[in-house]
C-alpha atoms as a PDB file:
ATOM      1  CA  MET A   1     303.359  43.947  28.216  1.00  0.00           C
ATOM      2  CA  PRO A   2     304.727  47.523  28.470  1.00  0.00           C
ATOM      3  CA  LEU A   3     302.554  50.619  28.135  1.00  0.00           C
ATOM      4  CA  ASN A   4     302.054  51.022  24.409  1.00  0.00           C
ATOM      5  CA  TYR A   5     301.564  54.724  23.730  1.00  0.00           C
ATOM      6  CA  GLU A   6     300.609  55.383  20.111  1.00  0.00           C
ATOM      7  CA  GLY A   7     301.344  58.686  18.363  1.00  0.00           C
ATOM      8  CA  THR A   8     301.056  61.986  20.199  1.00  0.00           C
ATOM      9  CA  VAL A   9     299.970  61.692  23.833  1.00  0.00           C
ATOM     10  CA  ILE A  10     298.726  64.919  25.435  1.00  0.00           C
ATOM     11  CA  ARG A  11     297.868  65.574  29.055  1.00  0.00           C
ATOM     12  CA  PRO A  12     296.955  68.760  30.979  1.00  0.00           C
ATOM     13  CA  PRO A  13     299.721  70.503  32.973  1.00  0.00           C
ATOM     14  CA  SER A  14     297.980  69.532  36.220  1.00  0.00           C
ATOM     15  CA  GLU A  15     298.324  65.835  35.321  1.00  0.00           C
ATOM     16  CA  ALA A  16     302.127  65.960  35.246  1.00  0.00           C
ATOM     17  CA  ASN A  17     302.409  63.424  38.065  1.00  0.00           C
ATOM     18  CA  SER A  18     299.641  61.113  36.848  1.00  0.00           C
ATOM     19  CA  LEU A  19     300.006  57.692  35.302  1.00  0.00           C
ATOM     20  CA  ILE A  20     298.518  57.876  31.803  1.00  0.00           C
ATOM     21  CA  PHE A  21     296.522  55.089  30.203  1.00  0.00           C
ATOM     22  CA  GLN A  22     295.680  55.652  26.549  1.00  0.00           C
ATOM     23  CA  ILE A  23     292.244  54.002  26.418  1.00  0.00           C
ATOM     24  CA  THR A  24     291.095  55.786  23.248  1.00  0.00           C
ATOM     25  CA  LEU A  25     293.247  56.900  20.350  1.00  0.00           C
ATOM     26  CA  GLY A  26     292.890  60.305  18.733  1.00  0.00           C
ATOM     27  CA  CYS A  27     289.886  62.600  19.052  1.00  0.00           C
ATOM     28  CA  SER A  28     286.256  61.702  18.385  1.00  0.00           C
ATOM     29  CA  ASP A  29     285.768  65.040  16.610  1.00  0.00           C
ATOM     30  CA  ASN A  30     289.202  66.028  15.220  1.00  0.00           C
ATOM     31  CA  SER A  31     287.724  68.717  12.958  1.00  0.00           C
ATOM     32  CA  CYS A  32     288.967  71.879  14.715  1.00  0.00           C
ATOM     33  CA  ILE A  33     290.870  74.028  12.221  1.00  0.00           C
ATOM     34  CA  PHE A  34     293.522  75.088  14.742  1.00  0.00           C
ATOM     35  CA  CYS A  35     294.370  71.724  16.308  1.00  0.00           C
ATOM     36  CA  PRO A  36     297.279  69.562  15.084  1.00  0.00           C
ATOM     37  CA  ALA A  37     297.164  67.221  18.061  1.00  0.00           C
ATOM     38  CA  TYR A  38     295.748  63.990  16.671  1.00  0.00           C
ATOM     39  CA  LYS A  39     296.192  64.305  12.932  1.00  0.00           C
ATOM     40  CA  ASP A  40     298.605  61.358  13.048  1.00  0.00           C
ATOM     41  CA  LYS A  41     295.958  58.785  14.002  1.00  0.00           C
ATOM     42  CA  PRO A  42     292.282  58.077  13.316  1.00  0.00           C
ATOM     43  CA  PHE A  43     289.981  57.874  16.316  1.00  0.00           C
ATOM     44  CA  ARG A  44     289.345  54.457  17.788  1.00  0.00           C
ATOM     45  CA  ILE A  45     288.680  52.810  21.139  1.00  0.00           C
ATOM     46  CA  LYS A  46     291.331  50.427  22.419  1.00  0.00           C
ATOM     47  CA  PRO A  47     290.207  46.828  23.030  1.00  0.00           C
ATOM     48  CA  LEU A  48     289.545  46.098  26.682  1.00  0.00           C
ATOM     49  CA  ASP A  49     291.929  43.158  26.800  1.00  0.00           C
ATOM     50  CA  VAL A  50     294.779  45.401  25.647  1.00  0.00           C
ATOM     51  CA  ILE A  51     293.879  48.072  28.211  1.00  0.00           C
ATOM     52  CA  PHE A  52     293.688  45.484  30.987  1.00  0.00           C
ATOM     53  CA  LYS A  53     297.132  44.088  30.125  1.00  0.00           C
ATOM     54  CA  GLU A  54     298.610  47.584  30.288  1.00  0.00           C
ATOM     55  CA  ILE A  55     296.927  48.284  33.621  1.00  0.00           C
ATOM     56  CA  ASP A  56     298.200  44.982  35.030  1.00  0.00           C
ATOM     57  CA  PHE A  57     301.739  45.660  33.769  1.00  0.00           C
ATOM     58  CA  ALA A  58     301.782  49.184  35.210  1.00  0.00           C
ATOM     59  CA  SER A  59     300.388  48.067  38.583  1.00  0.00           C
ATOM     60  CA  ASN A  60     303.374  45.768  39.059  1.00  0.00           C
ATOM     61  CA  LYS A  61     305.842  48.446  38.017  1.00  0.00           C
ATOM     62  CA  TYR A  62     304.236  51.482  39.728  1.00  0.00           C
ATOM     63  CA  PRO A  63     302.139  50.084  42.608  1.00  0.00           C
ATOM     64  CA  GLY A  64     302.023  53.344  44.594  1.00  0.00           C
ATOM     65  CA  VAL A  65     300.297  55.450  41.928  1.00  0.00           C
ATOM     66  CA  ARG A  66     297.731  57.884  43.357  1.00  0.00           C
ATOM     67  CA  LYS A  67     296.595  59.759  40.230  1.00  0.00           C
ATOM     68  CA  VAL A  68     295.546  58.304  36.871  1.00  0.00           C
ATOM     69  CA  PHE A  69     294.742  60.194  33.685  1.00  0.00           C
ATOM     70  CA  LEU A  70     292.849  58.577  30.818  1.00  0.00           C
ATOM     71  CA  ALA A  71     293.783  59.686  27.292  1.00  0.00           C
ATOM     72  CA  ASP A  72     293.441  60.454  24.351  1.00  0.00           C
ATOM     73  CA  GLY A  73     291.355  63.432  23.350  1.00  0.00           C
ATOM     74  CA  ASP A  74     287.925  62.147  24.407  1.00  0.00           C
ATOM     75  CA  ALA A  75     288.181  59.138  26.702  1.00  0.00           C
ATOM     76  CA  LEU A  76     284.658  59.720  28.026  1.00  0.00           C
ATOM     77  CA  ILE A  77     283.233  58.678  24.630  1.00  0.00           C
ATOM     78  CA  MET A  78     284.002  55.030  25.457  1.00  0.00           C
ATOM     79  CA  PRO A  79     280.768  53.000  25.950  1.00  0.00           C
ATOM     80  CA  GLN A  80     279.724  53.098  29.599  1.00  0.00           C
ATOM     81  CA  ASN A  81     280.064  49.376  30.296  1.00  0.00           C
ATOM     82  CA  GLN A  82     283.621  49.399  28.948  1.00  0.00           C
ATOM     83  CA  LEU A  83     284.520  52.586  30.811  1.00  0.00           C
ATOM     84  CA  ILE A  84     283.198  51.141  34.073  1.00  0.00           C
ATOM     85  CA  ALA A  85     285.306  48.033  33.456  1.00  0.00           C
ATOM     86  CA  VAL A  86     288.419  50.190  32.980  1.00  0.00           C
ATOM     87  CA  PHE A  87     287.749  52.154  36.188  1.00  0.00           C
ATOM     88  CA  ASP A  88     287.123  48.971  38.147  1.00  0.00           C
ATOM     89  CA  ARG A  89     290.335  47.385  36.862  1.00  0.00           C
ATOM     90  CA  ILE A  90     292.343  50.454  37.822  1.00  0.00           C
ATOM     91  CA  LEU A  91     290.863  50.524  41.320  1.00  0.00           C
ATOM     92  CA  GLU A  92     291.432  46.786  41.710  1.00  0.00           C
ATOM     93  CA  LYS A  93     295.083  46.960  40.689  1.00  0.00           C
ATOM     94  CA  PHE A  94     296.059  50.334  42.191  1.00  0.00           C
ATOM     95  CA  LYS A  95     294.981  50.311  45.834  1.00  0.00           C
ATOM     96  CA  GLU A  96     296.292  53.830  46.521  1.00  0.00           C
ATOM     97  CA  VAL A  97     294.602  55.660  43.642  1.00  0.00           C
ATOM     98  CA  ARG A  98     292.812  58.764  44.896  1.00  0.00           C
ATOM     99  CA  ARG A  99     291.594  60.295  41.636  1.00  0.00           C
ATOM    100  CA  ILE A 100     290.978  59.400  38.007  1.00  0.00           C
ATOM    101  CA  SER A 101     290.623  62.147  35.405  1.00  0.00           C
ATOM    102  CA  LEU A 102     290.060  62.300  31.658  1.00  0.00           C
ATOM    103  CA  TYR A 103     289.400  64.429  28.603  1.00  0.00           C
ATOM    104  CA  ALA A 104     285.773  64.861  27.571  1.00  0.00           C
ATOM    105  CA  SER A 105     283.858  66.646  24.815  1.00  0.00           C
ATOM    106  CA  ASN A 106     280.368  68.037  24.367  1.00  0.00           C
ATOM    107  CA  LYS A 107     279.664  65.004  22.203  1.00  0.00           C
ATOM    108  CA  SER A 108     280.672  62.478  24.870  1.00  0.00           C
ATOM    109  CA  VAL A 109     279.024  64.353  27.744  1.00  0.00           C
ATOM    110  CA  ALA A 110     275.750  64.519  25.819  1.00  0.00           C
ATOM    111  CA  ALA A 111     275.923  60.743  25.338  1.00  0.00           C
ATOM    112  CA  LYS A 112     276.166  60.103  29.102  1.00  0.00           C
ATOM    113  CA  SER A 113     273.327  60.423  31.567  1.00  0.00           C
ATOM    114  CA  VAL A 114     273.843  62.080  34.943  1.00  0.00           C
ATOM    115  CA  GLU A 115     273.428  58.654  36.543  1.00  0.00           C
ATOM    116  CA  GLU A 116     276.188  57.241  34.341  1.00  0.00           C
ATOM    117  CA  LEU A 117     278.484  60.083  35.363  1.00  0.00           C
ATOM    118  CA  LYS A 118     277.619  59.418  38.999  1.00  0.00           C
ATOM    119  CA  GLU A 119     278.718  55.808  38.490  1.00  0.00           C
ATOM    120  CA  LEU A 120     282.116  57.129  37.418  1.00  0.00           C
ATOM    121  CA  LYS A 121     282.208  59.573  40.334  1.00  0.00           C
ATOM    122  CA  LYS A 122     281.725  56.624  42.712  1.00  0.00           C
ATOM    123  CA  ARG A 123     284.795  55.106  41.091  1.00  0.00           C
ATOM    124  CA  LYS A 124     286.957  58.171  41.915  1.00  0.00           C
ATOM    125  CA  MET A 125     286.509  60.203  38.736  1.00  0.00           C
ATOM    126  CA  SER A 126     287.286  63.685  40.035  1.00  0.00           C
ATOM    127  CA  VAL A 127     288.008  66.001  37.103  1.00  0.00           C
ATOM    128  CA  ALA A 128     286.865  66.175  33.489  1.00  0.00           C
ATOM    129  CA  TYR A 129     288.865  68.364  31.107  1.00  0.00           C
ATOM    130  CA  ILE A 130     286.803  69.919  28.325  1.00  0.00           C
ATOM    131  CA  GLY A 131     287.708  72.422  25.619  1.00  0.00           C
ATOM    132  CA  PHE A 132     285.444  75.473  25.580  1.00  0.00           C
ATOM    133  CA  GLU A 133     287.903  77.284  23.252  1.00  0.00           C
ATOM    134  CA  THR A 134     285.529  80.244  22.781  1.00  0.00           C
ATOM    135  CA  GLY A 135     282.153  81.519  23.894  1.00  0.00           C
ATOM    136  CA  ASP A 136     281.545  83.449  20.709  1.00  0.00           C
ATOM    137  CA  SER A 137     279.170  81.694  18.291  1.00  0.00           C
ATOM    138  CA  VAL A 138     280.802  83.203  15.192  1.00  0.00           C
ATOM    139  CA  VAL A 139     284.301  82.097  16.226  1.00  0.00           C
ATOM    140  CA  TYR A 140     282.983  78.699  17.329  1.00  0.00           C
ATOM    141  CA  LYS A 141     281.474  78.103  13.902  1.00  0.00           C
ATOM    142  CA  MET A 142     284.642  79.352  12.197  1.00  0.00           C
ATOM    143  CA  ILE A 143     286.861  76.831  14.001  1.00  0.00           C
ATOM    144  CA  SER A 144     284.603  73.910  12.918  1.00  0.00           C
ATOM    145  CA  LYS A 145     284.324  72.494  16.422  1.00  0.00           C
ATOM    146  CA  TYR A 146     281.486  70.097  17.244  1.00  0.00           C
ATOM    147  CA  GLY A 147     278.509  71.706  18.982  1.00  0.00           C
ATOM    148  CA  CYS A 148     278.125  75.323  20.096  1.00  0.00           C
ATOM    149  CA  PRO A 149     279.005  77.520  23.110  1.00  0.00           C
ATOM    150  CA  GLU A 150     275.696  76.707  24.816  1.00  0.00           C
ATOM    151  CA  ASP A 151     276.652  73.008  24.748  1.00  0.00           C
ATOM    152  CA  ASN A 152     279.647  73.888  26.923  1.00  0.00           C
ATOM    153  CA  VAL A 153     277.309  75.200  29.608  1.00  0.00           C
ATOM    154  CA  LYS A 154     275.189  72.043  29.427  1.00  0.00           C
ATOM    155  CA  SER A 155     278.280  69.866  29.777  1.00  0.00           C
ATOM    156  CA  VAL A 156     279.563  71.637  32.882  1.00  0.00           C
ATOM    157  CA  ASN A 157     276.100  71.621  34.455  1.00  0.00           C
ATOM    158  CA  LYS A 158     275.821  67.874  33.889  1.00  0.00           C
ATOM    159  CA  PHE A 159     279.180  67.317  35.564  1.00  0.00           C
ATOM    160  CA  LYS A 160     278.042  69.493  38.480  1.00  0.00           C
ATOM    161  CA  GLU A 161     274.967  67.295  38.921  1.00  0.00           C
ATOM    162  CA  ALA A 162     277.286  64.315  39.184  1.00  0.00           C
ATOM    163  CA  SER A 163     279.625  66.178  41.610  1.00  0.00           C
ATOM    164  CA  ILE A 164     282.529  65.981  39.126  1.00  0.00           C
ATOM    165  CA  LYS A 165     284.745  69.029  38.735  1.00  0.00           C
ATOM    166  CA  SER A 166     285.198  70.634  35.324  1.00  0.00           C
ATOM    167  CA  ASN A 167     288.491  72.030  34.073  1.00  0.00           C
ATOM    168  CA  VAL A 168     287.733  74.013  30.918  1.00  0.00           C
ATOM    169  CA  THR A 169     290.168  75.466  28.407  1.00  0.00           C
ATOM    170  CA  VAL A 170     289.813  78.690  26.462  1.00  0.00           C
ATOM    171  CA  ILE A 171     292.199  79.805  23.725  1.00  0.00           C
ATOM    172  CA  LEU A 172     293.498  83.359  23.583  1.00  0.00           C
ATOM    173  CA  GLY A 173     293.686  84.728  20.050  1.00  0.00           C
ATOM    174  CA  LEU A 174     291.318  82.180  18.557  1.00  0.00           C
ATOM    175  CA  GLY A 175     289.193  84.873  16.916  1.00  0.00           C
ATOM    176  CA  GLY A 176     292.158  86.656  15.376  1.00  0.00           C
ATOM    177  CA  LYS A 177     292.254  90.450  15.191  1.00  0.00           C
ATOM    178  CA  LYS A 178     288.794  90.631  13.604  1.00  0.00           C
ATOM    179  CA  HIS A 179     286.929  88.959  16.452  1.00  0.00           C
ATOM    180  CA  THR A 180     289.251  89.606  19.387  1.00  0.00           C
ATOM    181  CA  TYR A 181     286.892  91.649  21.563  1.00  0.00           C
ATOM    182  CA  ALA A 182     283.795  89.541  20.845  1.00  0.00           C
ATOM    183  CA  HIS A 183     285.802  86.379  21.493  1.00  0.00           C
ATOM    184  CA  ALA A 184     287.032  87.666  24.863  1.00  0.00           C
ATOM    185  CA  VAL A 185     283.731  89.108  26.112  1.00  0.00           C
ATOM    186  CA  ASN A 186     281.580  86.176  24.987  1.00  0.00           C
ATOM    187  CA  THR A 187     284.073  83.667  26.363  1.00  0.00           C
ATOM    188  CA  ALA A 188     283.765  85.379  29.754  1.00  0.00           C
ATOM    189  CA  LYS A 189     279.970  85.278  29.326  1.00  0.00           C
ATOM    190  CA  ILE A 190     279.873  81.521  28.768  1.00  0.00           C
ATOM    191  CA  LEU A 191     282.238  81.004  31.715  1.00  0.00           C
ATOM    192  CA  ASN A 192     279.925  83.075  33.910  1.00  0.00           C
ATOM    193  CA  GLU A 193     276.960  80.971  32.832  1.00  0.00           C
ATOM    194  CA  SER A 194     278.671  77.643  33.507  1.00  0.00           C
ATOM    195  CA  LYS A 195     280.899  78.560  36.484  1.00  0.00           C
ATOM    196  CA  PRO A 196     283.442  75.724  36.114  1.00  0.00           C
ATOM    197  CA  GLU A 197     285.680  74.934  39.062  1.00  0.00           C
ATOM    198  CA  GLN A 198     288.845  75.416  36.996  1.00  0.00           C
ATOM    199  CA  ILE A 199     289.634  77.558  33.941  1.00  0.00           C
ATOM    200  CA  ALA A 200     292.792  77.196  31.864  1.00  0.00           C
ATOM    201  CA  ALA A 201     293.713  79.822  29.273  1.00  0.00           C
ATOM    202  CA  LEU A 202     295.990  78.713  26.429  1.00  0.00           C
ATOM    203  CA  THR A 203     297.464  80.979  23.762  1.00  0.00           C
ATOM    204  CA  LEU A 204     296.874  80.150  20.112  1.00  0.00           C
ATOM    205  CA  MET A 205     299.930  78.722  18.403  1.00  0.00           C
ATOM    206  CA  VAL A 206     299.460  78.045  14.707  1.00  0.00           C
ATOM    207  CA  ALA A 207     300.765  74.701  13.495  1.00  0.00           C
ATOM    208  CA  LYS A 208     301.710  74.238   9.869  1.00  0.00           C
ATOM    209  CA  ASN A 209     299.609  71.139   9.223  1.00  0.00           C
ATOM    210  CA  THR A 210     296.280  72.820  10.040  1.00  0.00           C
ATOM    211  CA  PRO A 211     293.554  74.578   8.006  1.00  0.00           C
ATOM    212  CA  LEU A 212     294.141  77.697  10.117  1.00  0.00           C
ATOM    213  CA  PHE A 213     297.702  77.932   8.815  1.00  0.00           C
ATOM    214  CA  GLU A 214     296.362  77.947   5.256  1.00  0.00           C
ATOM    215  CA  MET A 215     293.816  80.637   6.184  1.00  0.00           C
ATOM    216  CA  ILE A 216     296.638  82.842   7.434  1.00  0.00           C
ATOM    217  CA  LYS A 217     298.621  82.325   4.222  1.00  0.00           C
ATOM    218  CA  LYS A 218     295.557  83.420   2.230  1.00  0.00           C
ATOM    219  CA  GLY A 219     295.015  86.485   4.408  1.00  0.00           C
ATOM    220  CA  GLU A 220     291.736  85.142   5.789  1.00  0.00           C
ATOM    221  CA  PHE A 221     292.889  85.175   9.425  1.00  0.00           C
ATOM    222  CA  GLU A 222     295.171  87.707  11.115  1.00  0.00           C
ATOM    223  CA  PRO A 223     296.746  86.381  14.324  1.00  0.00           C
ATOM    224  CA  LEU A 224     297.190  88.503  17.430  1.00  0.00           C
ATOM    225  CA  ASP A 225     300.628  89.525  18.584  1.00  0.00           C
ATOM    226  CA  ASP A 226     301.911  88.783  22.082  1.00  0.00           C
ATOM    227  CA  PHE A 227     300.552  91.869  23.831  1.00  0.00           C
ATOM    228  CA  GLU A 228     297.214  91.618  22.015  1.00  0.00           C
ATOM    229  CA  SER A 229     296.855  88.103  23.399  1.00  0.00           C
ATOM    230  CA  LEU A 230     297.487  89.451  26.898  1.00  0.00           C
ATOM    231  CA  GLU A 231     294.878  92.143  26.279  1.00  0.00           C
ATOM    232  CA  GLU A 232     292.364  89.375  25.544  1.00  0.00           C
ATOM    233  CA  LEU A 233     293.322  87.631  28.755  1.00  0.00           C
ATOM    234  CA  LYS A 234     292.778  90.865  30.665  1.00  0.00           C
ATOM    235  CA  ILE A 235     289.342  91.420  29.085  1.00  0.00           C
ATOM    236  CA  ILE A 236     288.238  87.877  29.959  1.00  0.00           C
ATOM    237  CA  LEU A 237     289.294  88.349  33.574  1.00  0.00           C
ATOM    238  CA  GLU A 238     287.653  91.780  33.768  1.00  0.00           C
ATOM    239  CA  HIS A 239     284.341  90.329  32.605  1.00  0.00           C
ATOM    240  CA  LEU A 240     284.368  87.288  34.877  1.00  0.00           C
ATOM    241  CA  GLU A 241     281.802  87.438  37.656  1.00  0.00           C
ATOM    242  CA  ASP A 242     282.769  86.663  41.241  1.00  0.00           C
ATOM    243  CA  PHE A 243     282.341  82.899  41.333  1.00  0.00           C
ATOM    244  CA  PRO A 244     284.951  80.659  42.977  1.00  0.00           C
ATOM    245  CA  CYS A 245     287.385  78.964  40.616  1.00  0.00           C
ATOM    246  CA  LEU A 246     291.047  78.355  39.911  1.00  0.00           C
ATOM    247  CA  PHE A 247     292.303  80.288  36.895  1.00  0.00           C
ATOM    248  CA  PHE A 248     295.480  79.196  35.130  1.00  0.00           C
ATOM    249  CA  SER A 249     297.562  80.391  32.225  1.00  0.00           C
ATOM    250  CA  ASN A 250     300.464  78.074  33.001  1.00  0.00           C
ATOM    251  CA  HIS A 251     300.366  76.140  29.728  1.00  0.00           C
ATOM    252  CA  ALA A 252     303.617  76.151  27.728  1.00  0.00           C
ATOM    253  CA  SER A 253     301.942  78.300  25.051  1.00  0.00           C
ATOM    254  CA  ASN A 254     301.317  81.269  27.357  1.00  0.00           C
ATOM    255  CA  TYR A 255     303.384  84.450  27.480  1.00  0.00           C
ATOM    256  CA  VAL A 256     302.733  85.130  31.176  1.00  0.00           C
ATOM    257  CA  PRO A 257     302.112  82.255  33.621  1.00  0.00           C
ATOM    258  CA  ILE A 258     299.240  82.895  36.017  1.00  0.00           C
ATOM    259  CA  GLU A 259     297.808  80.803  38.815  1.00  0.00           C
ATOM    260  CA  ALA A 260     294.999  82.664  40.536  1.00  0.00           C
ATOM    261  CA  ARG A 261     292.245  81.739  42.940  1.00  0.00           C
ATOM    262  CA  LEU A 262     289.241  83.797  41.914  1.00  0.00           C
ATOM    263  CA  PRO A 263     287.657  86.049  42.930  1.00  0.00           C
ATOM    264  CA  LYS A 264     290.245  86.607  45.696  1.00  0.00           C
ATOM    265  CA  ASP A 265     293.213  87.123  43.352  1.00  0.00           C
ATOM    266  CA  LYS A 266     291.347  88.922  40.568  1.00  0.00           C
ATOM    267  CA  GLU A 267     292.484  92.482  41.250  1.00  0.00           C
ATOM    268  CA  LYS A 268     296.072  91.432  41.910  1.00  0.00           C
ATOM    269  CA  THR A 269     296.172  89.467  38.642  1.00  0.00           C
ATOM    270  CA  LEU A 270     294.641  92.324  36.650  1.00  0.00           C
ATOM    271  CA  LYS A 271     297.255  94.692  38.089  1.00  0.00           C
ATOM    272  CA  ILE A 272     300.036  92.394  36.894  1.00  0.00           C
ATOM    273  CA  LEU A 273     298.540  92.287  33.391  1.00  0.00           C
ATOM    274  CA  ASN A 274     297.869  96.022  33.272  1.00  0.00           C
ATOM    275  CA  ASP A 275     301.442  96.792  34.347  1.00  0.00           C
ATOM    276  CA  ILE A 276     302.842  94.518  31.623  1.00  0.00           C
ATOM    277  CA  LEU A 277     300.536  95.996  28.995  1.00  0.00           C
ATOM    278  CA  LYS A 278     301.497  99.516  30.059  1.00  0.00           C
ATOM    279  CA  ARG A 279     305.246  98.812  29.824  1.00  0.00           C
ATOM    280  CA  LYS A 280     305.068  96.641  26.703  1.00  0.00           C
ATOM    281  CA  ASP A 281     308.527  95.349  27.512  1.00  0.00           C
ATOM    282  CA  LYS A 282     309.289  92.017  25.809  1.00  0.00           C
ATOM    283  CA  SER A 283     311.429  90.995  28.782  1.00  0.00           C
ATOM    284  CA  ASP A 284     308.206  90.587  30.789  1.00  0.00           C
ATOM    285  CA  LEU A 285     307.109  87.816  28.435  1.00  0.00           C
ATOM    286  CA  LYS A 286     308.181  84.227  28.034  1.00  0.00           C
ATOM    287  CA  PRO A 287     310.394  84.135  24.907  1.00  0.00           C
ATOM    288  CA  ASP A 288     308.998  82.296  21.883  1.00  0.00           C
ATOM    289  CA  PHE A 289     311.688  79.623  21.964  1.00  0.00           C
ATOM    290  CA  LEU A 290     310.400  78.507  25.385  1.00  0.00           C
ATOM    291  CA  ARG A 291     306.781  78.340  24.264  1.00  0.00           C
ATOM    292  CA  GLY A 292     305.203  75.247  22.763  1.00  0.00           C
ATOM    293  CA  LEU A 293     302.046  73.215  22.292  1.00  0.00           C
END
């Protein structure tokens, strides 16, 4: 039985060399007004027997796999006994696996105890990817995302208790022109409170089949331009406290790719951004035709 990927399959840039198993389909929330990712499929959990057959097939074809990523948008929401069974099957069939990672949400983290997360850590779960998007309560409510900014802090703290690293995403431009400063400053605030090990900044790209696209057509949301998005990125970095983390803006949506180890590279990175913002030369930016979700 080959790997049967259904619909859109998304993985973080850092999982480019990972074998992907799609153990859940879609997103358990799927209400965010900006996100087109899983509109092509309703959320559901794949049957264990199907997952096991795919794992067995892949182990024969790719026996030397070291990294595994579990999709779709909220694999952690799977009931614990089933998730443990999936981890155990992977470790049984792939003897060289060193790390297993997945997408999580505030909803799924809240449903797991620290002890349950520790059970996954023992089975080589190393990184959980979770979308912060914004730290501003007004913007958070506007985008119709489950939970609130404070839930993001609780999620990261729970992962810390289980010794699992958090890779959190924030989205530049998500507050539009109206909320740009509040979005940037309060996003930095929530990052300072949670201190995740990795931070990934994406740039808002508006897809046509989203409520946000309709808001723009009605004049209810004014998107940032390219240099305004970089200004937000600069403000976030300026307001970050000196805690150790990796900071990325290497997603395909970004205008300027950054990979920085903070706080060591903070001043150097801010200088790069300030120089670009001072010149305002489009040649410094990734052209739109090379950007994508």
